[in-house]
């Protein structure tokens, strides 16, 4: 995967990095692990210290009904929203574009 394709992820991880730094989980940082940490930090989906995130349509739907979830997604830079949407659609399925479009529009 070339750097231009994941530039949004690198920028987002640097911007969202906690003051104490990202927690070290495991020996290798994978793209999935980085995106999962970002989902936790930026959208409140999961936990930044967890190796796994049980993410499915029900979890995403519940998140979309929270008072802050959709607003946090809508405030992200366009490139980050697009990157997260692509990753979530690959991981969760075809329900993602509809849920995230509603979230980006401020609808719960």
PDB file of N, CA and C in Angstrom:
ATOM      1  N   UNK A   1       0.850  -1.172   0.000  1.00  0.00           N
ATOM      2  CA  UNK A   1       0.000   0.000   0.000  1.00  0.00           C
ATOM      3  C   UNK A   1       0.899   1.239   0.000  1.00  0.00           C
ATOM      4  N   UNK A   2       0.633   2.156  -0.911  1.00  0.00           N
ATOM      5  CA  UNK A   2       1.509   3.321  -1.001  1.00  0.00           C
ATOM      6  C   UNK A   2       1.118   4.391   0.020  1.00  0.00           C
ATOM      7  N   UNK A   3       2.081   5.238   0.324  1.00  0.00           N
ATOM      8  CA  UNK A   3       1.891   6.257   1.363  1.00  0.00           C
ATOM      9  C   UNK A   3       0.797   7.244   1.008  1.00  0.00           C
ATOM     10  N   UNK A   4       0.631   7.554  -0.263  1.00  0.00           N
ATOM     11  CA  UNK A   4      -0.400   8.506  -0.667  1.00  0.00           C
ATOM     12  C   UNK A   4      -1.789   7.986  -0.329  1.00  0.00           C
ATOM     13  N   UNK A   5      -1.978   6.668  -0.437  1.00  0.00           N
ATOM     14  CA  UNK A   5      -3.281   6.080  -0.144  1.00  0.00           C
ATOM     15  C   UNK A   5      -3.617   6.086   1.336  1.00  0.00           C
ATOM     16  N   UNK A   6      -2.617   6.077   2.185  1.00  0.00           N
ATOM     17  CA  UNK A   6      -2.884   6.073   3.622  1.00  0.00           C
ATOM     18  C   UNK A   6      -2.488   7.386   4.297  1.00  0.00           C
ATOM     19  N   UNK A   7      -2.226   8.399   3.514  1.00  0.00           N
ATOM     20  CA  UNK A   7      -1.841   9.703   4.067  1.00  0.00           C
ATOM     21  C   UNK A   7      -2.870  10.201   5.078  1.00  0.00           C
ATOM     22  N   UNK A   8      -4.154  10.016   4.772  1.00  0.00           N
ATOM     23  CA  UNK A   8      -5.214  10.453   5.674  1.00  0.00           C
ATOM     24  C   UNK A   8      -5.047   9.788   7.043  1.00  0.00           C
ATOM     25  N   UNK A   9      -4.666   8.508   7.049  1.00  0.00           N
ATOM     26  CA  UNK A   9      -4.510   7.766   8.297  1.00  0.00           C
ATOM     27  C   UNK A   9      -3.319   8.277   9.087  1.00  0.00           C
ATOM     28  N   UNK A  10      -2.222   8.508   8.414  1.00  0.00           N
ATOM     29  CA  UNK A  10      -1.031   9.035   9.090  1.00  0.00           C
ATOM     30  C   UNK A  10      -1.312  10.403   9.699  1.00  0.00           C
ATOM     31  N   UNK A  11      -1.948  11.282   8.923  1.00  0.00           N
ATOM     32  CA  UNK A  11      -2.292  12.619   9.431  1.00  0.00           C
ATOM     33  C   UNK A  11      -3.243  12.536  10.620  1.00  0.00           C
ATOM     34  N   UNK A  12      -4.257  11.678  10.509  1.00  0.00           N
ATOM     35  CA  UNK A  12      -5.245  11.554  11.581  1.00  0.00           C
ATOM     36  C   UNK A  12      -4.632  10.994  12.858  1.00  0.00           C
ATOM     37  N   UNK A  13      -3.756  10.003  12.729  1.00  0.00           N
ATOM     38  CA  UNK A  13      -3.105   9.431  13.910  1.00  0.00           C
ATOM     39  C   UNK A  13      -2.235  10.463  14.618  1.00  0.00           C
ATOM     40  N   UNK A  14      -1.529  11.278  13.843  1.00  0.00           N
ATOM     41  CA  UNK A  14      -0.710  12.330  14.453  1.00  0.00           C
ATOM     42  C   UNK A  14      -1.577  13.375  15.142  1.00  0.00           C
ATOM     43  N   UNK A  15      -2.665  13.761  14.511  1.00  0.00           N
ATOM     44  CA  UNK A  15      -3.545  14.776  15.088  1.00  0.00           C
ATOM     45  C   UNK A  15      -4.274  14.275  16.334  1.00  0.00           C
ATOM     46  N   UNK A  16      -4.647  12.995  16.344  1.00  0.00           N
ATOM     47  CA  UNK A  16      -5.432  12.439  17.447  1.00  0.00           C
ATOM     48  C   UNK A  16      -4.583  11.844  18.563  1.00  0.00           C
ATOM     49  N   UNK A  17      -3.268  11.848  18.400  1.00  0.00           N
ATOM     50  CA  UNK A  17      -2.410  11.194  19.390  1.00  0.00           C
ATOM     51  C   UNK A  17      -2.623  11.782  20.783  1.00  0.00           C
ATOM     52  N   UNK A  18      -2.881  10.916  21.760  1.00  0.00           N
ATOM     53  CA  UNK A  18      -3.036  11.394  23.143  1.00  0.00           C
ATOM     54  C   UNK A  18      -1.737  12.013  23.662  1.00  0.00           C
ATOM     55  N   UNK A  19      -1.835  12.868  24.642  1.00  0.00           N
ATOM     56  CA  UNK A  19      -0.674  13.540  25.228  1.00  0.00           C
ATOM     57  C   UNK A  19       0.370  12.524  25.684  1.00  0.00           C
ATOM     58  N   UNK A  20      -0.090  11.426  26.254  1.00  0.00           N
ATOM     59  CA  UNK A  20       0.834  10.399  26.746  1.00  0.00           C
ATOM     60  C   UNK A  20       1.271   9.426  25.650  1.00  0.00           C
ATOM     61  N   UNK A  21       0.846   9.678  24.434  1.00  0.00           N
ATOM     62  CA  UNK A  21       1.182   8.811  23.306  1.00  0.00           C
ATOM     63  C   UNK A  21       0.176   7.688  23.143  1.00  0.00           C
ATOM     64  N   UNK A  22       0.238   7.040  22.008  1.00  0.00           N
ATOM     65  CA  UNK A  22      -0.655   5.908  21.767  1.00  0.00           C
ATOM     66  C   UNK A  22      -0.208   4.736  22.619  1.00  0.00           C
ATOM     67  N   UNK A  23      -1.148   4.012  23.217  1.00  0.00           N
ATOM     68  CA  UNK A  23      -0.762   2.826  23.983  1.00  0.00           C
ATOM     69  C   UNK A  23      -0.174   1.760  23.060  1.00  0.00           C
ATOM     70  N   UNK A  24       0.812   1.076  23.554  1.00  0.00           N
ATOM     71  CA  UNK A  24       1.424  -0.005  22.768  1.00  0.00           C
ATOM     72  C   UNK A  24       0.623  -1.280  23.026  1.00  0.00           C
ATOM     73  N   UNK A  25       0.111  -1.829  21.944  1.00  0.00           N
ATOM     74  CA  UNK A  25      -0.656  -3.070  22.012  1.00  0.00           C
ATOM     75  C   UNK A  25      -0.078  -4.004  20.965  1.00  0.00           C
ATOM     76  N   UNK A  26       0.571  -5.048  21.419  1.00  0.00           N
ATOM     77  CA  UNK A  26       1.181  -5.984  20.482  1.00  0.00           C
ATOM     78  C   UNK A  26       2.526  -5.485  19.985  1.00  0.00           C
ATOM     79  N   UNK A  27       3.171  -6.316  19.187  1.00  0.00           N
ATOM     80  CA  UNK A  27       4.520  -6.012  18.711  1.00  0.00           C
ATOM     81  C   UNK A  27       4.536  -5.271  17.380  1.00  0.00           C
ATOM     82  N   UNK A  28       3.446  -5.363  16.617  1.00  0.00           N
ATOM     83  CA  UNK A  28       3.410  -4.791  15.285  1.00  0.00           C
ATOM     84  C   UNK A  28       2.169  -3.916  15.137  1.00  0.00           C
ATOM     85  N   UNK A  29       2.357  -2.748  14.536  1.00  0.00           N
ATOM     86  CA  UNK A  29       1.225  -1.871  14.256  1.00  0.00           C
ATOM     87  C   UNK A  29       0.739  -2.171  12.843  1.00  0.00           C
ATOM     88  N   UNK A  30      -0.453  -2.718  12.758  1.00  0.00           N
ATOM     89  CA  UNK A  30      -1.052  -3.000  11.453  1.00  0.00           C
ATOM     90  C   UNK A  30      -2.001  -1.861  11.083  1.00  0.00           C
ATOM     91  N   UNK A  31      -2.389  -1.820   9.824  1.00  0.00           N
ATOM     92  CA  UNK A  31      -3.352  -0.809   9.379  1.00  0.00           C
ATOM     93  C   UNK A  31      -4.666  -0.977  10.137  1.00  0.00           C
ATOM     94  N   UNK A  32      -5.130  -2.213  10.296  1.00  0.00           N
ATOM     95  CA  UNK A  32      -6.386  -2.442  11.022  1.00  0.00           C
ATOM     96  C   UNK A  32      -6.290  -1.943  12.454  1.00  0.00           C
ATOM     97  N   UNK A  33      -5.190  -2.238  13.112  1.00  0.00           N
ATOM     98  CA  UNK A  33      -5.010  -1.805  14.501  1.00  0.00           C
ATOM     99  C   UNK A  33      -4.979  -0.279  14.585  1.00  0.00           C
ATOM    100  N   UNK A  34      -4.306   0.363  13.642  1.00  0.00           N
ATOM    101  CA  UNK A  34      -4.242   1.829  13.625  1.00  0.00           C
ATOM    102  C   UNK A  34      -5.621   2.436  13.403  1.00  0.00           C
ATOM    103  N   UNK A  35      -6.386   1.880  12.476  1.00  0.00           N
ATOM    104  CA  UNK A  35      -7.732   2.416  12.217  1.00  0.00           C
ATOM    105  C   UNK A  35      -8.634   2.180  13.423  1.00  0.00           C
ATOM    106  N   UNK A  36      -8.526   1.029  14.049  1.00  0.00           N
ATOM    107  CA  UNK A  36      -9.343   0.749  15.239  1.00  0.00           C
ATOM    108  C   UNK A  36      -9.014   1.731  16.370  1.00  0.00           C
ATOM    109  N   UNK A  37      -7.744   2.037  16.575  1.00  0.00           N
ATOM    110  CA  UNK A  37      -7.360   3.018  17.598  1.00  0.00           C
ATOM    111  C   UNK A  37      -7.918   4.391  17.248  1.00  0.00           C
ATOM    112  N   UNK A  38      -7.882   4.722  15.975  1.00  0.00           N
ATOM    113  CA  UNK A  38      -8.413   6.001  15.522  1.00  0.00           C
ATOM    114  C   UNK A  38      -9.930   6.069  15.704  1.00  0.00           C
ATOM    115  N   UNK A  39     -10.625   4.981  15.407  1.00  0.00           N
ATOM    116  CA  UNK A  39     -12.076   4.940  15.621  1.00  0.00           C
ATOM    117  C   UNK A  39     -12.422   5.169  17.093  1.00  0.00           C
ATOM    118  N   UNK A  40     -11.620   4.603  17.973  1.00  0.00           N
ATOM    119  CA  UNK A  40     -11.848   4.790  19.402  1.00  0.00           C
ATOM    120  C   UNK A  40     -11.583   6.232  19.815  1.00  0.00           C
ATOM    121  N   UNK A  41     -10.465   6.765  19.370  1.00  0.00           N
ATOM    122  CA  UNK A  41     -10.072   8.121  19.778  1.00  0.00           C
ATOM    123  C   UNK A  41     -10.963   9.195  19.168  1.00  0.00           C
ATOM    124  N   UNK A  42     -11.287   9.058  17.908  1.00  0.00           N
ATOM    125  CA  UNK A  42     -12.024  10.106  17.199  1.00  0.00           C
ATOM    126  C   UNK A  42     -13.530   9.983  17.314  1.00  0.00           C
ATOM    127  N   UNK A  43     -14.036   8.734  17.317  1.00  0.00           N
ATOM    128  CA  UNK A  43     -15.483   8.549  17.258  1.00  0.00           C
ATOM    129  C   UNK A  43     -16.083   7.896  18.495  1.00  0.00           C
ATOM    130  N   UNK A  44     -15.224   7.465  19.420  1.00  0.00           N
ATOM    131  CA  UNK A  44     -15.743   6.812  20.615  1.00  0.00           C
ATOM    132  C   UNK A  44     -16.213   5.394  20.350  1.00  0.00           C
ATOM    133  N   UNK A  45     -15.732   4.788  19.273  1.00  0.00           N
ATOM    134  CA  UNK A  45     -16.072   3.401  18.946  1.00  0.00           C
ATOM    135  C   UNK A  45     -14.973   2.501  19.472  1.00  0.00           C
ATOM    136  N   UNK A  46     -15.187   1.868  20.597  1.00  0.00           N
ATOM    137  CA  UNK A  46     -14.190   0.969  21.155  1.00  0.00           C
ATOM    138  C   UNK A  46     -13.255   1.652  22.131  1.00  0.00           C
ATOM    139  N   UNK A  47     -12.093   1.044  22.280  1.00  0.00           N
ATOM    140  CA  UNK A  47     -11.125   1.443  23.293  1.00  0.00           C
ATOM    141  C   UNK A  47      -9.735   1.429  22.660  1.00  0.00           C
ATOM    142  N   UNK A  48      -8.958   2.469  22.884  1.00  0.00           N
ATOM    143  CA  UNK A  48      -7.640   2.570  22.228  1.00  0.00           C
ATOM    144  C   UNK A  48      -6.656   1.518  22.714  1.00  0.00           C
ATOM    145  N   UNK A  49      -6.915   0.854  23.827  1.00  0.00           N
ATOM    146  CA  UNK A  49      -5.976  -0.142  24.346  1.00  0.00           C
ATOM    147  C   UNK A  49      -6.354  -1.562  23.973  1.00  0.00           C
ATOM    148  N   UNK A  50      -7.468  -1.749  23.329  1.00  0.00           N
ATOM    149  CA  UNK A  50      -7.940  -3.087  22.997  1.00  0.00           C
ATOM    150  C   UNK A  50      -7.332  -3.573  21.688  1.00  0.00           C
ATOM    151  N   UNK A  51      -7.004  -4.848  21.635  1.00  0.00           N
ATOM    152  CA  UNK A  51      -6.491  -5.463  20.406  1.00  0.00           C
ATOM    153  C   UNK A  51      -7.609  -5.651  19.393  1.00  0.00           C
ATOM    154  N   UNK A  52      -8.826  -5.805  19.889  1.00  0.00           N
ATOM    155  CA  UNK A  52      -9.945  -6.088  18.994  1.00  0.00           C
ATOM    156  C   UNK A  52     -11.073  -5.091  19.218  1.00  0.00           C
ATOM    157  N   UNK A  53     -11.909  -4.975  18.239  1.00  0.00           N
ATOM    158  CA  UNK A  53     -13.097  -4.147  18.323  1.00  0.00           C
ATOM    159  C   UNK A  53     -14.206  -4.948  17.673  1.00  0.00           C
ATOM    160  N   UNK A  54     -15.167  -5.362  18.479  1.00  0.00           N
ATOM    161  CA  UNK A  54     -16.303  -6.091  17.927  1.00  0.00           C
ATOM    162  C   UNK A  54     -17.166  -5.082  17.206  1.00  0.00           C
ATOM    163  N   UNK A  55     -16.946  -4.978  15.936  1.00  0.00           N
ATOM    164  CA  UNK A  55     -17.624  -3.977  15.133  1.00  0.00           C
ATOM    165  C   UNK A  55     -18.500  -4.660  14.105  1.00  0.00           C
ATOM    166  N   UNK A  56     -19.794  -4.417  14.229  1.00  0.00           N
ATOM    167  CA  UNK A  56     -20.744  -4.946  13.269  1.00  0.00           C
ATOM    168  C   UNK A  56     -21.811  -3.889  13.029  1.00  0.00           C
ATOM    169  N   UNK A  57     -22.790  -4.203  12.212  1.00  0.00           N
ATOM    170  CA  UNK A  57     -23.828  -3.233  11.869  1.00  0.00           C
ATOM    171  C   UNK A  57     -24.587  -2.766  13.113  1.00  0.00           C
ATOM    172  N   UNK A  58     -24.858  -3.673  14.044  1.00  0.00           N
ATOM    173  CA  UNK A  58     -25.588  -3.290  15.261  1.00  0.00           C
ATOM    174  C   UNK A  58     -24.780  -2.301  16.105  1.00  0.00           C
ATOM    175  N   UNK A  59     -23.484  -2.547  16.241  1.00  0.00           N
ATOM    176  CA  UNK A  59     -22.614  -1.645  17.002  1.00  0.00           C
ATOM    177  C   UNK A  59     -22.581  -0.266  16.353  1.00  0.00           C
ATOM    178  N   UNK A  60     -22.427  -0.241  15.038  1.00  0.00           N
ATOM    179  CA  UNK A  60     -22.377   1.027  14.317  1.00  0.00           C
ATOM    180  C   UNK A  60     -23.714   1.757  14.385  1.00  0.00           C
ATOM    181  N   UNK A  61     -24.806   1.012  14.301  1.00  0.00           N
ATOM    182  CA  UNK A  61     -26.137   1.616  14.405  1.00  0.00           C
ATOM    183  C   UNK A  61     -26.339   2.216  15.798  1.00  0.00           C
ATOM    184  N   UNK A  62     -25.950   1.498  16.839  1.00  0.00           N
ATOM    185  CA  UNK A  62     -26.066   2.025  18.210  1.00  0.00           C
ATOM    186  C   UNK A  62     -25.219   3.286  18.365  1.00  0.00           C
ATOM    187  N   UNK A  63     -24.006   3.277  17.817  1.00  0.00           N
ATOM    188  CA  UNK A  63     -23.140   4.460  17.870  1.00  0.00           C
ATOM    189  C   UNK A  63     -23.799   5.643  17.169  1.00  0.00           C
ATOM    190  N   UNK A  64     -24.460   5.373  16.034  1.00  0.00           N
ATOM    191  CA  UNK A  64     -25.068   6.457  15.253  1.00  0.00           C
ATOM    192  C   UNK A  64     -26.230   7.123  15.986  1.00  0.00           C
ATOM    193  N   UNK A  65     -26.756   6.464  17.008  1.00  0.00           N
ATOM    194  CA  UNK A  65     -27.857   7.039  17.793  1.00  0.00           C
ATOM    195  C   UNK A  65     -27.385   7.744  19.054  1.00  0.00           C
ATOM    196  N   UNK A  66     -26.073   7.759  19.298  1.00  0.00           N
ATOM    197  CA  UNK A  66     -25.562   8.445  20.484  1.00  0.00           C
ATOM    198  C   UNK A  66     -25.578   9.951  20.248  1.00  0.00           C
ATOM    199  N   UNK A  67     -25.613  10.738  21.319  1.00  0.00           N
ATOM    200  CA  UNK A  67     -25.657  12.192  21.151  1.00  0.00           C
ATOM    201  C   UNK A  67     -24.414  12.782  20.487  1.00  0.00           C
ATOM    202  N   UNK A  68     -23.262  12.158  20.668  1.00  0.00           N
ATOM    203  CA  UNK A  68     -22.031  12.754  20.141  1.00  0.00           C
ATOM    204  C   UNK A  68     -21.428  12.029  18.955  1.00  0.00           C
ATOM    205  N   UNK A  69     -21.773  10.775  18.728  1.00  0.00           N
ATOM    206  CA  UNK A  69     -21.155   9.998  17.652  1.00  0.00           C
ATOM    207  C   UNK A  69     -21.241  10.654  16.287  1.00  0.00           C
ATOM    208  N   UNK A  70     -22.447  10.934  15.788  1.00  0.00           N
ATOM    209  CA  UNK A  70     -22.557  11.552  14.467  1.00  0.00           C
ATOM    210  C   UNK A  70     -21.884  12.925  14.383  1.00  0.00           C
ATOM    211  N   UNK A  71     -21.975  13.707  15.428  1.00  0.00           N
ATOM    212  CA  UNK A  71     -21.346  15.041  15.415  1.00  0.00           C
ATOM    213  C   UNK A  71     -19.827  14.916  15.311  1.00  0.00           C
ATOM    214  N   UNK A  72     -19.251  13.964  16.023  1.00  0.00           N
ATOM    215  CA  UNK A  72     -17.806  13.771  15.965  1.00  0.00           C
ATOM    216  C   UNK A  72     -17.378  13.344  14.568  1.00  0.00           C
ATOM    217  N   UNK A  73     -18.159  12.496  13.934  1.00  0.00           N
ATOM    218  CA  UNK A  73     -17.843  12.064  12.569  1.00  0.00           C
ATOM    219  C   UNK A  73     -17.957  13.234  11.599  1.00  0.00           C
ATOM    220  N   UNK A  74     -19.006  14.015  11.722  1.00  0.00           N
ATOM    221  CA  UNK A  74     -19.238  15.148  10.813  1.00  0.00           C
ATOM    222  C   UNK A  74     -18.128  16.192  10.898  1.00  0.00           C
ATOM    223  N   UNK A  75     -17.482  16.310  12.056  1.00  0.00           N
ATOM    224  CA  UNK A  75     -16.432  17.317  12.260  1.00  0.00           C
ATOM    225  C   UNK A  75     -15.074  16.898  11.707  1.00  0.00           C
ATOM    226  N   UNK A  76     -14.909  15.649  11.324  1.00  0.00           N
ATOM    227  CA  UNK A  76     -13.613  15.180  10.828  1.00  0.00           C
ATOM    228  C   UNK A  76     -13.307  15.773   9.456  1.00  0.00           C
ATOM    229  N   UNK A  77     -12.026  15.903   9.139  1.00  0.00           N
ATOM    230  CA  UNK A  77     -11.650  16.339   7.790  1.00  0.00           C
ATOM    231  C   UNK A  77     -12.190  15.361   6.735  1.00  0.00           C
ATOM    232  N   UNK A  78     -12.459  15.869   5.544  1.00  0.00           N
ATOM    233  CA  UNK A  78     -13.041  15.050   4.477  1.00  0.00           C
ATOM    234  C   UNK A  78     -12.239  13.783   4.190  1.00  0.00           C
ATOM    235  N   UNK A  79     -10.922  13.917   4.102  1.00  0.00           N
ATOM    236  CA  UNK A  79     -10.086  12.759   3.779  1.00  0.00           C
ATOM    237  C   UNK A  79     -10.184  11.691   4.858  1.00  0.00           C
ATOM    238  N   UNK A  80     -10.240  12.099   6.107  1.00  0.00           N
ATOM    239  CA  UNK A  80     -10.343  11.141   7.205  1.00  0.00           C
ATOM    240  C   UNK A  80     -11.708  10.457   7.192  1.00  0.00           C
ATOM    241  N   UNK A  81     -12.758  11.241   6.973  1.00  0.00           N
ATOM    242  CA  UNK A  81     -14.097  10.643   6.883  1.00  0.00           C
ATOM    243  C   UNK A  81     -14.147   9.613   5.756  1.00  0.00           C
ATOM    244  N   UNK A  82     -13.589   9.959   4.613  1.00  0.00           N
ATOM    245  CA  UNK A  82     -13.599   9.035   3.470  1.00  0.00           C
ATOM    246  C   UNK A  82     -12.801   7.769   3.779  1.00  0.00           C
ATOM    247  N   UNK A  83     -11.639   7.915   4.394  1.00  0.00           N
ATOM    248  CA  UNK A  83     -10.812   6.761   4.730  1.00  0.00           C
ATOM    249  C   UNK A  83     -11.478   5.850   5.744  1.00  0.00           C
ATOM    250  N   UNK A  84     -12.063   6.450   6.774  1.00  0.00           N
ATOM    251  CA  UNK A  84     -12.764   5.650   7.777  1.00  0.00           C
ATOM    252  C   UNK A  84     -13.979   4.964   7.167  1.00  0.00           C
ATOM    253  N   UNK A  85     -14.704   5.678   6.311  1.00  0.00           N
ATOM    254  CA  UNK A  85     -15.882   5.099   5.669  1.00  0.00           C
ATOM    255  C   UNK A  85     -15.499   3.894   4.817  1.00  0.00           C
ATOM    256  N   UNK A  86     -14.406   4.019   4.060  1.00  0.00           N
ATOM    257  CA  UNK A  86     -13.947   2.904   3.220  1.00  0.00           C
ATOM    258  C   UNK A  86     -13.576   1.700   4.073  1.00  0.00           C
ATOM    259  N   UNK A  87     -12.818   1.937   5.146  1.00  0.00           N
ATOM    260  CA  UNK A  87     -12.401   0.841   6.017  1.00  0.00           C
ATOM    261  C   UNK A  87     -13.618   0.205   6.684  1.00  0.00           C
ATOM    262  N   UNK A  88     -14.534   1.039   7.187  1.00  0.00           N
ATOM    263  CA  UNK A  88     -15.719   0.502   7.855  1.00  0.00           C
ATOM    264  C   UNK A  88     -16.593  -0.301   6.891  1.00  0.00           C
ATOM    265  N   UNK A  89     -16.741   0.173   5.670  1.00  0.00           N
ATOM    266  CA  UNK A  89     -17.552  -0.565   4.705  1.00  0.00           C
ATOM    267  C   UNK A  89     -16.934  -1.929   4.412  1.00  0.00           C
ATOM    268  N   UNK A  90     -15.611  -1.982   4.292  1.00  0.00           N
ATOM    269  CA  UNK A  90     -14.936  -3.263   4.061  1.00  0.00           C
ATOM    270  C   UNK A  90     -15.086  -4.188   5.258  1.00  0.00           C
ATOM    271  N   UNK A  91     -15.098  -3.622   6.461  1.00  0.00           N
ATOM    272  CA  UNK A  91     -15.141  -4.427   7.680  1.00  0.00           C
ATOM    273  C   UNK A  91     -16.553  -4.792   8.127  1.00  0.00           C
ATOM    274  N   UNK A  92     -17.491  -3.870   7.951  1.00  0.00           N
ATOM    275  CA  UNK A  92     -18.841  -4.058   8.482  1.00  0.00           C
ATOM    276  C   UNK A  92     -19.837  -4.451   7.393  1.00  0.00           C
ATOM    277  N   UNK A  93     -19.729  -3.807   6.230  1.00  0.00           N
ATOM    278  CA  UNK A  93     -20.626  -4.170   5.149  1.00  0.00           C
ATOM    279  C   UNK A  93     -21.357  -2.995   4.530  1.00  0.00           C
ATOM    280  N   UNK A  94     -22.321  -3.301   3.669  1.00  0.00           N
ATOM    281  CA  UNK A  94     -22.979  -2.283   2.844  1.00  0.00           C
ATOM    282  C   UNK A  94     -23.878  -1.306   3.586  1.00  0.00           C
ATOM    283  N   UNK A  95     -24.157  -1.544   4.844  1.00  0.00           N
ATOM    284  CA  UNK A  95     -24.980  -0.614   5.616  1.00  0.00           C
ATOM    285  C   UNK A  95     -24.211   0.666   5.965  1.00  0.00           C
ATOM    286  N   UNK A  96     -22.890   0.602   5.923  1.00  0.00           N
ATOM    287  CA  UNK A  96     -22.032   1.701   6.363  1.00  0.00           C
ATOM    288  C   UNK A  96     -22.258   3.012   5.610  1.00  0.00           C
ATOM    289  N   UNK A  97     -22.282   3.032   4.280  1.00  0.00           N
ATOM    290  CA  UNK A  97     -22.451   4.322   3.602  1.00  0.00           C
ATOM    291  C   UNK A  97     -23.714   5.078   4.028  1.00  0.00           C
ATOM    292  N   UNK A  98     -24.808   4.358   4.209  1.00  0.00           N
ATOM    293  CA  UNK A  98     -26.057   5.000   4.623  1.00  0.00           C
ATOM    294  C   UNK A  98     -25.933   5.557   6.031  1.00  0.00           C
ATOM    295  N   UNK A  99     -25.434   4.754   6.960  1.00  0.00           N
ATOM    296  CA  UNK A  99     -25.285   5.228   8.347  1.00  0.00           C
ATOM    297  C   UNK A  99     -24.348   6.420   8.443  1.00  0.00           C
ATOM    298  N   UNK A 100     -23.229   6.373   7.726  1.00  0.00           N
ATOM    299  CA  UNK A 100     -22.270   7.472   7.806  1.00  0.00           C
ATOM    300  C   UNK A 100     -22.758   8.716   7.069  1.00  0.00           C
ATOM    301  N   UNK A 101     -23.525   8.543   6.015  1.00  0.00           N
ATOM    302  CA  UNK A 101     -24.106   9.708   5.336  1.00  0.00           C
ATOM    303  C   UNK A 101     -25.065  10.418   6.273  1.00  0.00           C
ATOM    304  N   UNK A 102     -25.865   9.663   7.015  1.00  0.00           N
ATOM    305  CA  UNK A 102     -26.767  10.263   7.993  1.00  0.00           C
ATOM    306  C   UNK A 102     -25.967  10.939   9.116  1.00  0.00           C
ATOM    307  N   UNK A 103     -24.894  10.280   9.566  1.00  0.00           N
ATOM    308  CA  UNK A 103     -24.056  10.864  10.616  1.00  0.00           C
ATOM    309  C   UNK A 103     -23.408  12.152  10.144  1.00  0.00           C
ATOM    310  N   UNK A 104     -22.881  12.150   8.922  1.00  0.00           N
ATOM    311  CA  UNK A 104     -22.219  13.353   8.390  1.00  0.00           C
ATOM    312  C   UNK A 104     -23.212  14.501   8.237  1.00  0.00           C
ATOM    313  N   UNK A 105     -24.473  14.152   8.000  1.00  0.00           N
ATOM    314  CA  UNK A 105     -25.521  15.166   7.892  1.00  0.00           C
ATOM    315  C   UNK A 105     -26.088  15.604   9.221  1.00  0.00           C
ATOM    316  N   UNK A 106     -25.545  15.052  10.304  1.00  0.00           N
ATOM    317  CA  UNK A 106     -26.000  15.435  11.635  1.00  0.00           C
ATOM    318  C   UNK A 106     -27.274  14.745  12.079  1.00  0.00           C
ATOM    319  N   UNK A 107     -27.656  13.687  11.383  1.00  0.00           N
ATOM    320  CA  UNK A 107     -28.879  12.957  11.751  1.00  0.00           C
ATOM    321  C   UNK A 107     -28.510  11.722  12.551  1.00  0.00           C
ATOM    322  N   UNK A 108     -29.347  11.460  13.549  1.00  0.00           N
ATOM    323  CA  UNK A 108     -29.139  10.257  14.364  1.00  0.00           C
ATOM    324  C   UNK A 108     -30.212   9.262  14.054  1.00  0.00           C
TER     325      UNK A 108
END
